[in-house]
C-alpha atoms as a PDB file:
ATOM      1  CA  UNK A   1      41.491   8.223  -9.224  1.00  0.00           C
ATOM      2  CA  UNK A   2      39.187  11.236  -9.248  1.00  0.00           C
ATOM      3  CA  UNK A   3      36.525   9.188 -11.052  1.00  0.00           C
ATOM      4  CA  UNK A   4      36.629   6.548  -8.315  1.00  0.00           C
ATOM      5  CA  UNK A   5      36.226   9.274  -5.702  1.00  0.00           C
ATOM      6  CA  UNK A   6      33.173  10.671  -7.512  1.00  0.00           C
ATOM      7  CA  UNK A   7      31.701   7.188  -7.782  1.00  0.00           C
ATOM      8  CA  UNK A   8      32.218   6.576  -4.079  1.00  0.00           C
ATOM      9  CA  UNK A   9      30.615   9.917  -3.230  1.00  0.00           C
ATOM     10  CA  UNK A  10      27.650   9.205  -5.501  1.00  0.00           C
ATOM     11  CA  UNK A  11      27.181   5.756  -3.963  1.00  0.00           C
ATOM     12  CA  UNK A  12      27.306   7.248  -0.475  1.00  0.00           C
ATOM     13  CA  UNK A  13      24.712   9.870  -1.416  1.00  0.00           C
ATOM     14  CA  UNK A  14      22.411   7.173  -2.806  1.00  0.00           C
ATOM     15  CA  UNK A  15      22.692   5.132   0.388  1.00  0.00           C
ATOM     16  CA  UNK A  16      22.054   8.149   2.626  1.00  0.00           C
ATOM     17  CA  UNK A  17      19.127   9.310   0.472  1.00  0.00           C
ATOM     18  CA  UNK A  18      17.582   5.814   0.517  1.00  0.00           C
ATOM     19  CA  UNK A  19      17.908   5.661   4.298  1.00  0.00           C
ATOM     20  CA  UNK A  20      16.277   9.082   4.697  1.00  0.00           C
ATOM     21  CA  UNK A  21      13.419   8.184   2.337  1.00  0.00           C
ATOM     22  CA  UNK A  22      12.887   4.868   4.103  1.00  0.00           C
ATOM     23  CA  UNK A  23      12.521   6.705   7.415  1.00  0.00           C
ATOM     24  CA  UNK A  24      10.329   9.472   6.004  1.00  0.00           C
ATOM     25  CA  UNK A  25       8.044   7.031   4.181  1.00  0.00           C
ATOM     26  CA  UNK A  26       7.907   4.537   7.045  1.00  0.00           C
ATOM     27  CA  UNK A  27       4.249   3.833   7.891  1.00  0.00           C
ATOM     28  CA  UNK A  28       3.401   5.243  11.308  1.00  0.00           C
ATOM     29  CA  UNK A  29      -0.372   5.454  11.681  1.00  0.00           C
ATOM     30  CA  UNK A  30      -2.543   2.424  12.316  1.00  0.00           C
ATOM     31  CA  UNK A  31      -5.721   2.303  10.247  1.00  0.00           C
ATOM     32  CA  UNK A  32      -7.157   0.120  13.009  1.00  0.00           C
ATOM     33  CA  UNK A  33      -7.701   3.222  15.162  1.00  0.00           C
ATOM     34  CA  UNK A  34     -10.536   4.207  12.859  1.00  0.00           C
ATOM     35  CA  UNK A  35     -12.029   0.733  12.415  1.00  0.00           C
ATOM     36  CA  UNK A  36     -12.853  -0.676  15.818  1.00  0.00           C
ATOM     37  CA  UNK A  37     -15.504  -3.392  15.469  1.00  0.00           C
ATOM     38  CA  UNK A  38     -16.338  -6.195  17.876  1.00  0.00           C
ATOM     39  CA  UNK A  39     -16.708  -9.369  15.826  1.00  0.00           C
ATOM     40  CA  UNK A  40     -18.786 -11.302  18.348  1.00  0.00           C
ATOM     41  CA  UNK A  41     -21.533  -8.690  18.395  1.00  0.00           C
ATOM     42  CA  UNK A  42     -21.224  -7.636  14.750  1.00  0.00           C
ATOM     43  CA  UNK A  43     -21.725 -11.098  13.257  1.00  0.00           C
ATOM     44  CA  UNK A  44     -25.396 -12.076  13.662  1.00  0.00           C
ATOM     45  CA  UNK A  45     -26.185 -15.497  15.055  1.00  0.00           C
ATOM     46  CA  UNK A  46     -29.363 -15.790  12.980  1.00  0.00           C
ATOM     47  CA  UNK A  47     -30.223 -14.221   9.637  1.00  0.00           C
ATOM     48  CA  UNK A  48     -32.319 -15.093   6.614  1.00  0.00           C
ATOM     49  CA  UNK A  49     -32.700 -18.853   6.462  1.00  0.00           C
ATOM     50  CA  UNK A  50     -29.635 -19.463   8.660  1.00  0.00           C
ATOM     51  CA  UNK A  51     -29.365 -20.230  12.368  1.00  0.00           C
ATOM     52  CA  UNK A  52     -26.259 -20.852  14.434  1.00  0.00           C
ATOM     53  CA  UNK A  53     -25.455 -24.520  15.060  1.00  0.00           C
ATOM     54  CA  UNK A  54     -23.414 -24.891  18.278  1.00  0.00           C
ATOM     55  CA  UNK A  55     -20.769 -27.521  18.909  1.00  0.00           C
ATOM     56  CA  UNK A  56     -19.222 -27.761  15.432  1.00  0.00           C
ATOM     57  CA  UNK A  57     -15.415 -27.743  15.318  1.00  0.00           C
ATOM     58  CA  UNK A  58     -13.835 -25.588  12.615  1.00  0.00           C
ATOM     59  CA  UNK A  59     -10.327 -25.486  11.195  1.00  0.00           C
ATOM     60  CA  UNK A  60      -8.777 -22.421  12.832  1.00  0.00           C
ATOM     61  CA  UNK A  61      -5.900 -20.228  11.597  1.00  0.00           C
ATOM     62  CA  UNK A  62      -2.440 -21.637  12.201  1.00  0.00           C
ATOM     63  CA  UNK A  63       0.593 -19.590  13.203  1.00  0.00           C
ATOM     64  CA  UNK A  64       0.454 -16.519  10.932  1.00  0.00           C
ATOM     65  CA  UNK A  65       2.958 -16.065   8.136  1.00  0.00           C
ATOM     66  CA  UNK A  66       5.984 -14.124   9.322  1.00  0.00           C
ATOM     67  CA  UNK A  67       5.691 -15.195  12.972  1.00  0.00           C
ATOM     68  CA  UNK A  68       8.608 -17.440  13.879  1.00  0.00           C
ATOM     69  CA  UNK A  69       7.730 -17.929  17.531  1.00  0.00           C
ATOM     70  CA  UNK A  70       3.969 -18.402  18.101  1.00  0.00           C
ATOM     71  CA  UNK A  71       4.504 -18.172  21.874  1.00  0.00           C
ATOM     72  CA  UNK A  72       5.202 -14.451  21.590  1.00  0.00           C
ATOM     73  CA  UNK A  73       1.814 -12.855  22.227  1.00  0.00           C
ATOM     74  CA  UNK A  74       3.059  -9.476  21.040  1.00  0.00           C
ATOM     75  CA  UNK A  75       3.565 -10.879  17.555  1.00  0.00           C
ATOM     76  CA  UNK A  76       0.165 -12.493  17.170  1.00  0.00           C
ATOM     77  CA  UNK A  77      -1.453 -11.168  14.021  1.00  0.00           C
ATOM     78  CA  UNK A  78      -5.030 -11.890  15.106  1.00  0.00           C
ATOM     79  CA  UNK A  79      -6.660 -10.066  17.995  1.00  0.00           C
ATOM     80  CA  UNK A  80     -10.193 -11.315  17.299  1.00  0.00           C
ATOM     81  CA  UNK A  81     -11.449 -14.623  15.922  1.00  0.00           C
ATOM     82  CA  UNK A  82     -15.011 -15.860  15.465  1.00  0.00           C
ATOM     83  CA  UNK A  83     -15.746 -19.412  14.301  1.00  0.00           C
ATOM     84  CA  UNK A  84     -19.379 -20.459  13.923  1.00  0.00           C
ATOM     85  CA  UNK A  85     -21.461 -22.975  12.024  1.00  0.00           C
ATOM     86  CA  UNK A  86     -24.895 -22.194  10.603  1.00  0.00           C
ATOM     87  CA  UNK A  87     -27.634 -24.458   9.293  1.00  0.00           C
ATOM     88  CA  UNK A  88     -30.721 -23.752   7.191  1.00  0.00           C
ATOM     89  CA  UNK A  89     -34.108 -25.448   7.110  1.00  0.00           C
ATOM     90  CA  UNK A  90     -32.855 -27.929   4.515  1.00  0.00           C
ATOM     91  CA  UNK A  91     -30.075 -29.104   6.834  1.00  0.00           C
ATOM     92  CA  UNK A  92     -27.306 -27.500   4.770  1.00  0.00           C
ATOM     93  CA  UNK A  93     -24.461 -26.330   6.982  1.00  0.00           C
ATOM     94  CA  UNK A  94     -21.986 -23.531   6.338  1.00  0.00           C
ATOM     95  CA  UNK A  95     -19.010 -22.843   8.590  1.00  0.00           C
ATOM     96  CA  UNK A  96     -17.867 -19.236   8.967  1.00  0.00           C
ATOM     97  CA  UNK A  97     -14.470 -18.098  10.210  1.00  0.00           C
ATOM     98  CA  UNK A  98     -13.503 -14.442  10.563  1.00  0.00           C
ATOM     99  CA  UNK A  99     -10.090 -13.534  11.975  1.00  0.00           C
ATOM    100  CA  UNK A 100      -9.080  -9.901  12.462  1.00  0.00           C
ATOM    101  CA  UNK A 101      -5.656  -8.334  12.961  1.00  0.00           C
ATOM    102  CA  UNK A 102      -4.835  -4.641  13.504  1.00  0.00           C
ATOM    103  CA  UNK A 103      -1.463  -4.860  11.719  1.00  0.00           C
ATOM    104  CA  UNK A 104      -0.808  -6.175   8.215  1.00  0.00           C
ATOM    105  CA  UNK A 105       2.816  -5.550   7.280  1.00  0.00           C
ATOM    106  CA  UNK A 106       5.766  -7.503   5.909  1.00  0.00           C
ATOM    107  CA  UNK A 107       6.372  -9.228   9.259  1.00  0.00           C
ATOM    108  CA  UNK A 108       2.795  -9.958  10.258  1.00  0.00           C
ATOM    109  CA  UNK A 109       0.212 -11.001   7.704  1.00  0.00           C
ATOM    110  CA  UNK A 110      -2.861 -13.188   7.653  1.00  0.00           C
ATOM    111  CA  UNK A 111      -2.313 -16.878   7.040  1.00  0.00           C
ATOM    112  CA  UNK A 112      -3.838 -18.224   3.838  1.00  0.00           C
ATOM    113  CA  UNK A 113      -6.386 -21.023   4.466  1.00  0.00           C
ATOM    114  CA  UNK A 114      -4.643 -23.447   2.123  1.00  0.00           C
ATOM    115  CA  UNK A 115      -1.698 -23.394   4.518  1.00  0.00           C
ATOM    116  CA  UNK A 116      -3.960 -23.869   7.556  1.00  0.00           C
ATOM    117  CA  UNK A 117      -5.778 -26.801   5.972  1.00  0.00           C
ATOM    118  CA  UNK A 118      -2.561 -28.449   4.818  1.00  0.00           C
ATOM    119  CA  UNK A 119      -1.171 -28.057   8.351  1.00  0.00           C
ATOM    120  CA  UNK A 120      -4.331 -29.782   9.606  1.00  0.00           C
ATOM    121  CA  UNK A 121      -3.730 -32.850   7.448  1.00  0.00           C
ATOM    122  CA  UNK A 122      -5.978 -31.887   4.534  1.00  0.00           C
ATOM    123  CA  UNK A 123      -5.033 -32.373   0.904  1.00  0.00           C
ATOM    124  CA  UNK A 124      -5.768 -29.304  -1.223  1.00  0.00           C
ATOM    125  CA  UNK A 125      -6.654 -30.698  -4.653  1.00  0.00           C
ATOM    126  CA  UNK A 126      -7.921 -27.502  -6.267  1.00  0.00           C
ATOM    127  CA  UNK A 127      -7.309 -23.778  -5.911  1.00  0.00           C
ATOM    128  CA  UNK A 128      -8.785 -21.179  -8.241  1.00  0.00           C
ATOM    129  CA  UNK A 129     -10.132 -17.648  -8.314  1.00  0.00           C
ATOM    130  CA  UNK A 130     -13.748 -16.604  -8.715  1.00  0.00           C
ATOM    131  CA  UNK A 131     -15.964 -13.554  -8.303  1.00  0.00           C
ATOM    132  CA  UNK A 132     -19.253 -13.000  -6.542  1.00  0.00           C
ATOM    133  CA  UNK A 133     -21.665 -10.120  -6.992  1.00  0.00           C
ATOM    134  CA  UNK A 134     -23.048  -9.267  -3.560  1.00  0.00           C
ATOM    135  CA  UNK A 135     -24.868  -6.037  -4.300  1.00  0.00           C
ATOM    136  CA  UNK A 136     -25.774  -3.610  -7.048  1.00  0.00           C
ATOM    137  CA  UNK A 137     -22.310  -2.052  -7.024  1.00  0.00           C
ATOM    138  CA  UNK A 138     -20.007  -4.592  -5.378  1.00  0.00           C
ATOM    139  CA  UNK A 139     -18.218  -7.648  -6.668  1.00  0.00           C
ATOM    140  CA  UNK A 140     -15.830  -9.572  -4.418  1.00  0.00           C
ATOM    141  CA  UNK A 141     -12.826 -11.497  -5.694  1.00  0.00           C
ATOM    142  CA  UNK A 142     -12.813 -14.927  -4.089  1.00  0.00           C
ATOM    143  CA  UNK A 143     -10.393 -17.802  -3.742  1.00  0.00           C
ATOM    144  CA  UNK A 144     -11.861 -21.311  -3.885  1.00  0.00           C
ATOM    145  CA  UNK A 145     -10.259 -24.440  -2.448  1.00  0.00           C
ATOM    146  CA  UNK A 146     -11.244 -28.084  -2.567  1.00  0.00           C
ATOM    147  CA  UNK A 147      -9.842 -29.901   0.462  1.00  0.00           C
ATOM    148  CA  UNK A 148     -10.187 -33.381   1.910  1.00  0.00           C
ATOM    149  CA  UNK A 149      -8.935 -35.280   4.948  1.00  0.00           C
ATOM    150  CA  UNK A 150      -9.921 -38.951   4.959  1.00  0.00           C
ATOM    151  CA  UNK A 151     -13.745 -38.898   4.541  1.00  0.00           C
ATOM    152  CA  UNK A 152     -14.143 -35.198   5.332  1.00  0.00           C
ATOM    153  CA  UNK A 153     -14.637 -33.409   2.010  1.00  0.00           C
ATOM    154  CA  UNK A 154     -14.596 -29.646   2.613  1.00  0.00           C
ATOM    155  CA  UNK A 155     -14.740 -27.054  -0.197  1.00  0.00           C
ATOM    156  CA  UNK A 156     -13.640 -23.606   0.992  1.00  0.00           C
ATOM    157  CA  UNK A 157     -14.253 -20.039  -0.169  1.00  0.00           C
ATOM    158  CA  UNK A 158     -12.308 -17.115   1.263  1.00  0.00           C
ATOM    159  CA  UNK A 159     -11.027 -13.603   0.771  1.00  0.00           C
ATOM    160  CA  UNK A 160      -8.666 -11.327   2.663  1.00  0.00           C
ATOM    161  CA  UNK A 161      -9.256  -7.683   3.444  1.00  0.00           C
ATOM    162  CA  UNK A 162      -6.229  -5.426   3.808  1.00  0.00           C
ATOM    163  CA  UNK A 163      -7.222  -1.882   4.693  1.00  0.00           C
ATOM    164  CA  UNK A 164     -10.146  -1.038   2.413  1.00  0.00           C
ATOM    165  CA  UNK A 165      -9.135  -3.553  -0.268  1.00  0.00           C
ATOM    166  CA  UNK A 166     -10.011  -7.198  -0.842  1.00  0.00           C
ATOM    167  CA  UNK A 167      -6.907  -9.110  -1.936  1.00  0.00           C
ATOM    168  CA  UNK A 168      -6.084 -12.792  -2.182  1.00  0.00           C
ATOM    169  CA  UNK A 169      -2.786 -13.182  -4.046  1.00  0.00           C
ATOM    170  CA  UNK A 170       0.611 -12.674  -2.424  1.00  0.00           C
ATOM    171  CA  UNK A 171       1.598 -10.002  -4.954  1.00  0.00           C
ATOM    172  CA  UNK A 172      -1.731  -8.202  -4.551  1.00  0.00           C
ATOM    173  CA  UNK A 173      -1.256  -8.040  -0.800  1.00  0.00           C
ATOM    174  CA  UNK A 174       2.248  -6.648  -1.162  1.00  0.00           C
ATOM    175  CA  UNK A 175       1.115  -3.955  -3.599  1.00  0.00           C
ATOM    176  CA  UNK A 176      -1.747  -2.919  -1.329  1.00  0.00           C
ATOM    177  CA  UNK A 177       0.563  -2.677   1.695  1.00  0.00           C
ATOM    178  CA  UNK A 178       2.935  -0.512  -0.366  1.00  0.00           C
ATOM    179  CA  UNK A 179       0.013   1.704  -1.381  1.00  0.00           C
ATOM    180  CA  UNK A 180      -0.942   2.335   2.238  1.00  0.00           C
ATOM    181  CA  UNK A 181       2.686   2.616   3.291  1.00  0.00           C
ATOM    182  CA  UNK A 182       3.197   5.514   0.878  1.00  0.00           C
ATOM    183  CA  UNK A 183       0.326   7.236   2.700  1.00  0.00           C
ATOM    184  CA  UNK A 184       2.029   6.629   6.042  1.00  0.00           C
ATOM    185  CA  UNK A 185      -0.591   4.047   7.029  1.00  0.00           C
ATOM    186  CA  UNK A 186      -0.263   0.551   8.487  1.00  0.00           C
ATOM    187  CA  UNK A 187      -3.392  -1.288   7.300  1.00  0.00           C
ATOM    188  CA  UNK A 188      -5.443  -3.638   9.408  1.00  0.00           C
ATOM    189  CA  UNK A 189      -6.855  -6.804   7.907  1.00  0.00           C
ATOM    190  CA  UNK A 190      -9.296  -9.665   8.137  1.00  0.00           C
ATOM    191  CA  UNK A 191      -9.546 -13.211   6.839  1.00  0.00           C
ATOM    192  CA  UNK A 192     -13.141 -14.124   5.920  1.00  0.00           C
ATOM    193  CA  UNK A 193     -13.647 -17.821   5.204  1.00  0.00           C
ATOM    194  CA  UNK A 194     -16.608 -20.097   4.445  1.00  0.00           C
ATOM    195  CA  UNK A 195     -16.689 -23.880   4.103  1.00  0.00           C
ATOM    196  CA  UNK A 196     -19.143 -26.753   3.874  1.00  0.00           C
ATOM    197  CA  UNK A 197     -19.208 -30.497   4.417  1.00  0.00           C
ATOM    198  CA  UNK A 198     -21.706 -33.132   3.334  1.00  0.00           C
ATOM    199  CA  UNK A 199     -22.189 -31.736  -0.192  1.00  0.00           C
ATOM    200  CA  UNK A 200     -20.448 -32.168  -3.509  1.00  0.00           C
ATOM    201  CA  UNK A 201     -18.115 -29.537  -4.967  1.00  0.00           C
ATOM    202  CA  UNK A 202     -20.573 -27.552  -7.095  1.00  0.00           C
ATOM    203  CA  UNK A 203     -23.394 -27.670  -4.571  1.00  0.00           C
ATOM    204  CA  UNK A 204     -21.007 -26.544  -1.835  1.00  0.00           C
ATOM    205  CA  UNK A 205     -19.911 -23.438  -3.704  1.00  0.00           C
ATOM    206  CA  UNK A 206     -23.501 -22.584  -4.684  1.00  0.00           C
ATOM    207  CA  UNK A 207     -24.642 -22.822  -1.054  1.00  0.00           C
ATOM    208  CA  UNK A 208     -21.640 -20.815   0.118  1.00  0.00           C
ATOM    209  CA  UNK A 209     -22.428 -18.052  -2.376  1.00  0.00           C
ATOM    210  CA  UNK A 210     -26.002 -17.863  -1.119  1.00  0.00           C
ATOM    211  CA  UNK A 211     -24.768 -17.766   2.478  1.00  0.00           C
ATOM    212  CA  UNK A 212     -22.230 -15.019   1.724  1.00  0.00           C
ATOM    213  CA  UNK A 213     -24.893 -12.770   0.205  1.00  0.00           C
ATOM    214  CA  UNK A 214     -27.246 -13.382   3.138  1.00  0.00           C
ATOM    215  CA  UNK A 215     -24.438 -12.779   5.625  1.00  0.00           C
ATOM    216  CA  UNK A 216     -23.292  -9.471   4.140  1.00  0.00           C
ATOM    217  CA  UNK A 217     -26.869  -8.254   3.789  1.00  0.00           C
ATOM    218  CA  UNK A 218     -27.479  -9.065   7.463  1.00  0.00           C
ATOM    219  CA  UNK A 219     -24.435  -7.135   8.707  1.00  0.00           C
ATOM    220  CA  UNK A 220     -25.115  -3.516   9.631  1.00  0.00           C
ATOM    221  CA  UNK A 221     -24.362  -1.311   6.595  1.00  0.00           C
ATOM    222  CA  UNK A 222     -21.911   0.783   8.625  1.00  0.00           C
ATOM    223  CA  UNK A 223     -19.868  -2.355   9.387  1.00  0.00           C
ATOM    224  CA  UNK A 224     -20.085  -4.163   6.047  1.00  0.00           C
ATOM    225  CA  UNK A 225     -16.825  -2.695   4.729  1.00  0.00           C
ATOM    226  CA  UNK A 226     -15.079  -4.168   7.775  1.00  0.00           C
ATOM    227  CA  UNK A 227     -15.696  -7.605   6.246  1.00  0.00           C
ATOM    228  CA  UNK A 228     -15.789  -6.960   2.503  1.00  0.00           C
ATOM    229  CA  UNK A 229     -13.792  -3.788   1.960  1.00  0.00           C
ATOM    230  CA  UNK A 230     -14.933  -0.376   0.818  1.00  0.00           C
END
């Protein structure tokens, strides 16, 4: 009888302690306060061999993961979105989509492009990871997709930034959010996506890689981490 009482007391102490720790460790400070960047003005419309090509329709992010009612504006994960197409002198076109959200937590998180494309009627036939060296000391982990809807063949490259980290996998994102949560921080985040049409698979990814390097080199150094992490 006494043993059962001790067990009940111990269980109660564990529950109370867990509740206290959950409240103490609850993230309270938005990282977004220190990372205010206007996408429209920060993303150049012309750089290197690339010029903006107006009038091209891009696949845009669908309802973010974790949002059950997309009509609730307060729960929208993205507060800024920029979708542009660029063309070079050889007629090669790259489409750029950047979507930013000030809160990346377990309820609100950026929507992975494979979900957006599938929702738009595309078949995703390939998905794999890759890396790209964009500077002397920076390598970005990428996710590659090969998608197609009827005659529109559209290879896609993307990454997600959560706080100062670039993450693409579901587990990676959860671990990064936990890392910031233990510091009392709610990370912001961005989806950075590139795609091409009119080229085969290998040529598409090669052109996208060239565009990504040109794009990041054209962004002001003080704002580069906003897109590609620190």
